[in-house]
Amino acid sequence: MLDYAGLKAVAAVARTGSFEKAAKALNVTPSAISQRVKQLEDRLGVVLVVRGSPCTATEKGEWLCRHVEQVEMLEGGLFEHLPSLGPAAGVGGQVTVHIATNADSLGTWFLTAAAAFTRQTGHLLNIAVDDQDHTAEWLKGGRVLAAVTGLEKPVTGCRRVFLGSLRYHATASPDFVASHFPHGVTEAGLARAPALTFNQKDRLQSLWMRQALQRDVAFPTHWLPSTQGFVEAALLGMGWGMNPVALVKDHLAAGRLVELLPGVTVDIPLYWQVNRMAADQLRALTQAVTTAARADLQA
């Protein structure tokens, strides 16, 4: 029999980042939280919570936290039909669902889906952000129940839905293009013109250059981990960057930004992968995500 008092204590510590905040969330003392976590760790023979500021769950702790989320979602459905069970079961607080997405989806279409889901269910969301080529690792490690990912192959134990492709344009300000590419975009010009790169995982610039020039080019870059910052930096003439069409179409139409090579775009396929054990409980989220994606992404 699972120790759900201990499991909920671990989940609360991981969610809030401290034993004190977890105690307030569960309406018990910090000592009780500490004892429950320690007893469960002793029983399992593994560390579930890394003590620190903030406290974090270990990989095995993350798996238990996701299990607690699934149980709480199931309980929520049961209490809707049998509300008298709620107080007797000692239910406290709302369900927090852990999911992951890439920054550009979050900055364009994904919040529409998130808002629709939270309005419909009343659940809370903990949204992790990573590159679309790496969000699948969050699923594999048990840190989230669902993710927007660039991985076509289904993660083991997950269901996969194709969402569409996020289209990117290589854009810069007219003055930047006139200064760095006076005779058109060339390999030599790209080797000198500063680009904008989100982080070390960002490969969009290289993908675009391979598509445009059929070769790789070493290029200087600013490091700027912000979707909206990319657009602002391009408008200010800091560099050229790969921007989602939804964020730059108005600027392109108004002439505030121009494409380096008109018509040469990069489409990144995106998939929604959800833990199979939680798929039924997250059906509303999957529906919201697919609806929002198909309204904004390339088919």
Protein backbone atom coordinates (compact mmCIF):
# COMPACT_ATOMS: atom_id res chain seq x y z
CA MET A 1 0.00 0.00 0.00
CA LEU A 2 1.43 3.36 -1.01
CA ASP A 3 1.94 5.98 1.68
CA TYR A 4 -0.07 8.82 0.14
CA ALA A 5 0.57 11.16 3.06
CA GLY A 6 4.28 10.77 2.36
CA LEU A 7 3.81 11.05 -1.40
CA LYS A 8 1.82 14.25 -1.07
CA ALA A 9 4.45 15.65 1.28
CA VAL A 10 7.19 14.98 -1.29
CA ALA A 11 5.09 16.51 -4.05
CA ALA A 12 4.31 19.59 -1.96
CA VAL A 13 7.98 20.14 -1.10
CA ALA A 14 8.99 19.80 -4.76
CA ARG A 15 6.19 22.12 -5.86
CA THR A 16 6.76 24.86 -3.29
CA GLY A 17 10.52 24.53 -2.87
CA SER A 18 10.56 24.29 0.91
CA PHE A 19 9.32 22.20 3.83
CA GLU A 20 7.76 25.26 5.45
CA LYS A 21 5.70 26.20 2.40
CA ALA A 22 4.70 22.58 1.90
CA ALA A 23 3.49 22.47 5.50
CA LYS A 24 1.29 25.52 4.94
CA ALA A 25 -0.09 24.04 1.72
CA LEU A 26 -1.05 20.80 3.47
CA ASN A 27 -2.07 22.48 6.73
CA VAL A 28 0.40 20.55 8.91
CA THR A 29 3.62 21.41 10.69
CA PRO A 30 7.04 21.52 8.98
CA SER A 31 8.10 18.75 11.35
CA ALA A 32 5.27 16.53 10.08
CA ILE A 33 6.33 17.15 6.47
CA SER A 34 9.94 16.34 7.31
CA GLN A 35 8.96 13.13 9.07
CA ARG A 36 6.71 11.98 6.22
CA VAL A 37 9.37 12.60 3.61
CA LYS A 38 12.08 10.93 5.68
CA GLN A 39 9.90 7.89 6.44
CA LEU A 40 9.11 7.42 2.76
CA GLU A 41 12.78 7.78 1.81
CA ASP A 42 13.77 5.25 4.45
CA ARG A 43 11.10 2.84 3.26
CA LEU A 44 12.18 3.11 -0.38
CA GLY A 45 15.89 3.33 0.35
CA VAL A 46 16.40 6.34 -1.94
CA VAL A 47 16.63 10.11 -1.61
CA LEU A 48 13.48 11.76 -2.94
CA VAL A 49 14.14 15.40 -2.09
CA VAL A 50 17.40 17.33 -2.39
CA ARG A 51 17.44 19.66 0.58
CA GLY A 52 18.44 23.19 -0.38
CA SER A 53 17.10 26.59 -1.30
CA PRO A 54 14.93 25.72 -3.09
CA CYS A 55 14.37 22.05 -2.33
CA THR A 56 14.06 19.94 -5.47
CA ALA A 57 12.95 16.41 -6.25
CA THR A 58 15.40 13.78 -7.40
CA GLU A 59 14.61 11.79 -10.55
CA LYS A 60 12.83 9.11 -8.49
CA GLY A 61 11.12 11.85 -6.53
CA GLU A 62 9.90 13.40 -9.80
CA TRP A 63 8.31 10.11 -10.83
CA LEU A 64 6.44 9.97 -7.51
CA CYS A 65 5.34 13.59 -7.92
CA ARG A 66 3.85 12.84 -11.35
CA HIS A 67 2.05 9.84 -9.83
CA VAL A 68 0.55 12.12 -7.18
CA GLU A 69 -0.64 14.50 -9.91
CA GLN A 70 -2.43 11.65 -11.67
CA VAL A 71 -4.04 10.50 -8.42
CA GLU A 72 -5.18 14.05 -7.60
CA MET A 73 -6.73 14.43 -11.06
CA LEU A 74 -8.57 11.13 -10.62
CA GLU A 75 -9.73 12.20 -7.16
CA GLY A 76 -10.94 15.51 -8.57
CA GLY A 77 -13.17 13.70 -11.06
CA LEU A 78 -14.48 11.43 -8.33
CA PHE A 79 -15.27 14.31 -5.95
CA GLU A 80 -17.24 16.07 -8.68
CA HIS A 81 -19.66 13.14 -8.60
CA LEU A 82 -19.33 12.39 -4.86
CA PRO A 83 -18.50 15.74 -3.22
CA SER A 84 -19.05 14.39 0.27
CA LEU A 85 -15.87 12.33 -0.12
CA GLY A 86 -13.71 15.42 -0.45
CA PRO A 87 -13.54 16.60 3.15
CA ALA A 88 -13.33 13.02 4.44
CA ALA A 89 -10.33 12.38 2.19
CA GLY A 90 -8.61 15.49 3.44
CA VAL A 91 -8.32 17.09 0.04
CA GLY A 92 -6.52 20.43 0.03
CA GLY A 93 -5.49 22.74 -2.78
CA GLN A 94 -5.74 22.52 -6.54
CA VAL A 95 -4.03 20.04 -8.82
CA THR A 96 -0.81 21.34 -10.39
CA VAL A 97 0.02 19.73 -13.74
CA HIS A 98 3.66 19.79 -14.86
CA ILE A 99 4.20 20.20 -18.61
CA ALA A 100 6.98 21.41 -20.90
CA THR A 101 7.13 23.43 -24.10
CA ASN A 102 9.62 25.33 -26.21
CA ALA A 103 10.01 29.07 -25.71
CA ASP A 104 8.76 30.09 -29.17
CA SER A 105 5.55 28.09 -28.77
CA LEU A 106 5.04 29.68 -25.35
CA GLY A 107 5.63 33.10 -26.90
CA THR A 108 3.15 32.55 -29.75
CA TRP A 109 0.30 30.02 -29.56
CA PHE A 110 0.69 27.83 -26.46
CA LEU A 111 -0.73 30.19 -23.83
CA THR A 112 -4.06 30.16 -25.67
CA ALA A 113 -4.23 26.42 -25.02
CA ALA A 114 -3.03 26.74 -21.43
CA ALA A 115 -5.63 29.39 -20.61
CA ALA A 116 -8.45 27.34 -22.16
CA PHE A 117 -7.44 24.28 -20.13
CA THR A 118 -7.19 26.11 -16.82
CA ARG A 119 -10.55 27.82 -17.34
CA GLN A 120 -12.20 24.49 -18.09
CA THR A 121 -10.66 22.42 -15.29
CA GLY A 122 -9.51 24.81 -12.59
CA HIS A 123 -6.13 23.04 -12.53
CA LEU A 124 -2.88 24.93 -12.11
CA LEU A 125 0.03 24.57 -14.55
CA ASN A 126 3.76 24.42 -13.95
CA ILE A 127 5.22 25.10 -17.41
CA ALA A 128 8.88 24.26 -18.00
CA VAL A 129 10.65 25.79 -21.00
CA ASP A 130 13.34 24.09 -23.05
CA ASP A 131 14.35 23.67 -26.66
CA GLN A 132 11.88 21.56 -28.66
CA ASP A 133 14.62 19.00 -29.25
CA HIS A 134 15.08 18.55 -25.51
CA THR A 135 11.61 18.74 -23.93
CA ALA A 136 11.22 14.99 -24.55
CA GLU A 137 13.95 14.47 -21.95
CA TRP A 138 11.63 16.04 -19.36
CA LEU A 139 9.08 13.34 -20.19
CA LYS A 140 11.64 10.55 -20.10
CA GLY A 141 12.92 11.75 -16.73
CA GLY A 142 9.44 11.88 -15.23
CA ARG A 143 9.60 15.62 -14.62
CA VAL A 144 6.46 16.38 -16.66
CA LEU A 145 3.31 14.57 -17.75
CA ALA A 146 3.16 16.11 -21.24
CA ALA A 147 5.29 18.20 -23.56
CA VAL A 148 5.47 20.04 -26.85
CA THR A 149 8.47 18.47 -28.54
CA GLY A 150 10.24 18.27 -31.87
CA LEU A 151 10.71 14.52 -31.41
CA GLU A 152 8.65 12.59 -33.94
CA LYS A 153 9.26 9.19 -32.36
CA PRO A 154 6.89 8.58 -29.42
CA VAL A 155 8.59 8.63 -26.03
CA THR A 156 8.22 5.25 -24.33
CA GLY A 157 4.92 5.18 -22.45
CA CYS A 158 3.55 8.26 -24.21
CA ARG A 159 0.94 9.07 -26.84
CA ARG A 160 1.95 11.41 -29.66
CA VAL A 161 -0.06 13.88 -31.75
CA PHE A 162 1.35 15.92 -34.65
CA LEU A 163 0.54 19.59 -34.04
CA GLY A 164 1.90 21.30 -37.14
CA SER A 165 5.07 23.21 -37.97
CA LEU A 166 6.28 26.47 -36.49
CA ARG A 167 7.57 28.61 -39.39
CA TYR A 168 10.58 30.88 -38.95
CA HIS A 169 11.78 33.79 -41.08
CA ALA A 170 15.35 35.12 -41.09
CA THR A 171 14.71 38.79 -40.35
CA ALA A 172 16.60 41.98 -39.63
CA SER A 173 16.05 45.72 -39.78
CA PRO A 174 16.38 47.41 -43.19
CA ASP A 175 19.40 49.40 -41.96
CA PHE A 176 21.11 46.22 -40.74
CA VAL A 177 20.61 44.53 -44.10
CA ALA A 178 21.83 47.58 -45.99
CA SER A 179 24.94 47.76 -43.81
CA HIS A 180 25.90 44.07 -43.74
CA PHE A 181 24.49 42.80 -47.02
CA PRO A 182 24.74 45.73 -49.48
CA HIS A 183 25.10 43.37 -52.46
CA GLY A 184 22.82 40.61 -51.19
CA VAL A 185 23.20 37.81 -48.68
CA THR A 186 26.48 35.98 -49.20
CA GLU A 187 28.59 33.51 -47.26
CA ALA A 188 31.15 36.25 -46.58
CA GLY A 189 28.46 38.61 -45.32
CA LEU A 190 26.96 36.00 -42.97
CA ALA A 191 30.44 35.26 -41.62
CA ARG A 192 30.70 38.91 -40.49
CA ALA A 193 27.13 39.95 -39.65
CA PRO A 194 26.15 39.31 -35.99
CA ALA A 195 23.26 36.91 -35.54
CA LEU A 196 20.92 36.39 -32.59
CA THR A 197 21.05 33.00 -30.85
CA PHE A 198 18.71 31.90 -28.06
CA ASN A 199 21.16 29.53 -26.35
CA GLN A 200 23.62 26.74 -27.12
CA LYS A 201 20.74 24.43 -28.10
CA ASP A 202 19.46 26.82 -30.77
CA ARG A 203 20.23 25.45 -34.26
CA LEU A 204 17.77 27.48 -36.34
CA GLN A 205 20.37 29.85 -37.80
CA SER A 206 22.50 26.94 -39.01
CA LEU A 207 19.45 25.21 -40.49
CA TRP A 208 18.52 28.35 -42.39
CA MET A 209 22.03 28.90 -43.73
CA ARG A 210 22.24 25.30 -44.92
CA GLN A 211 18.93 25.76 -46.69
CA ALA A 212 19.92 29.13 -48.18
CA LEU A 213 23.54 28.40 -49.11
CA GLN A 214 23.75 24.60 -49.01
CA ARG A 215 26.62 24.83 -46.52
CA ASP A 216 27.51 25.64 -42.92
CA VAL A 217 28.89 29.06 -42.08
CA ALA A 218 30.69 30.10 -38.89
CA PHE A 219 29.08 33.32 -37.73
CA PRO A 220 29.34 35.80 -34.84
CA THR A 221 26.35 35.97 -32.54
CA HIS A 222 24.69 37.71 -29.64
CA TRP A 223 23.24 35.33 -27.02
CA LEU A 224 19.70 36.36 -26.17
CA PRO A 225 17.41 33.87 -24.35
CA SER A 226 14.13 35.68 -25.01
CA THR A 227 11.57 35.10 -27.76
CA GLN A 228 10.25 38.66 -27.62
CA GLY A 229 13.81 39.93 -27.14
CA PHE A 230 14.73 38.42 -30.51
CA VAL A 231 12.15 40.58 -32.24
CA GLU A 232 13.12 43.72 -30.32
CA ALA A 233 16.82 43.17 -30.97
CA ALA A 234 16.17 42.71 -34.69
CA LEU A 235 14.10 45.90 -34.78
CA LEU A 236 16.92 47.76 -33.01
CA GLY A 237 19.50 46.53 -35.52
CA MET A 238 21.54 44.36 -33.14
CA GLY A 239 21.58 41.38 -35.47
CA TRP A 240 19.59 39.05 -37.68
CA GLY A 241 17.52 36.28 -36.16
CA MET A 242 15.11 33.45 -36.84
CA ASN A 243 11.72 34.71 -35.70
CA PRO A 244 8.34 32.91 -35.69
CA VAL A 245 6.06 34.26 -38.40
CA ALA A 246 3.35 35.15 -35.86
CA LEU A 247 5.68 37.61 -34.14
CA VAL A 248 7.11 39.34 -37.22
CA LYS A 249 4.37 39.33 -39.87
CA ASP A 250 3.13 42.81 -38.91
CA HIS A 251 6.68 44.18 -38.80
CA LEU A 252 7.42 42.66 -42.21
CA ALA A 253 4.22 44.11 -43.66
CA ALA A 254 5.09 47.57 -42.28
CA GLY A 255 8.70 47.41 -43.45
CA ARG A 256 10.17 47.63 -39.96
CA LEU A 257 11.79 44.24 -40.60
CA VAL A 258 12.82 42.56 -43.85
CA GLU A 259 13.68 38.99 -44.75
CA LEU A 260 17.31 38.27 -45.51
CA LEU A 261 16.21 36.01 -48.37
CA PRO A 262 12.48 36.39 -49.09
CA GLY A 263 10.69 33.07 -49.19
CA VAL A 264 13.48 31.05 -47.57
CA THR A 265 11.95 29.82 -44.32
CA VAL A 266 12.53 27.03 -41.79
CA ASP A 267 9.60 24.90 -40.63
CA ILE A 268 10.03 23.03 -37.34
CA PRO A 269 7.54 20.17 -36.85
CA LEU A 270 6.06 20.01 -33.37
CA TYR A 271 4.40 17.12 -31.56
CA TRP A 272 2.36 16.83 -28.40
CA GLN A 273 3.45 13.87 -26.29
CA VAL A 274 1.53 12.93 -23.15
CA ASN A 275 2.15 10.23 -20.58
CA ARG A 276 -0.18 7.36 -21.50
CA MET A 277 -1.16 6.79 -17.85
CA ALA A 278 -2.34 10.41 -17.59
CA ALA A 279 -3.73 10.79 -21.10
CA ASP A 280 -7.38 10.33 -20.11
CA GLN A 281 -7.12 12.83 -17.27
CA LEU A 282 -5.36 15.29 -19.60
CA ARG A 283 -7.79 14.86 -22.49
CA ALA A 284 -8.99 18.45 -22.07
CA LEU A 285 -5.42 19.74 -22.22
CA THR A 286 -4.66 17.70 -25.33
CA GLN A 287 -7.79 19.06 -27.00
CA ALA A 288 -6.89 22.64 -26.09
CA VAL A 289 -3.31 22.21 -27.33
CA THR A 290 -4.29 20.66 -30.65
CA THR A 291 -6.98 23.28 -31.27
CA ALA A 292 -4.64 26.21 -30.57
CA ALA A 293 -1.79 24.67 -32.56
CA ARG A 294 -3.87 23.99 -35.66
CA ALA A 295 -5.10 27.56 -35.65
CA ASP A 296 -1.56 29.00 -35.70
CA LEU A 297 0.89 26.42 -37.03
CA GLN A 298 1.58 25.30 -40.59
CA ALA A 299 -0.29 22.10 -41.43
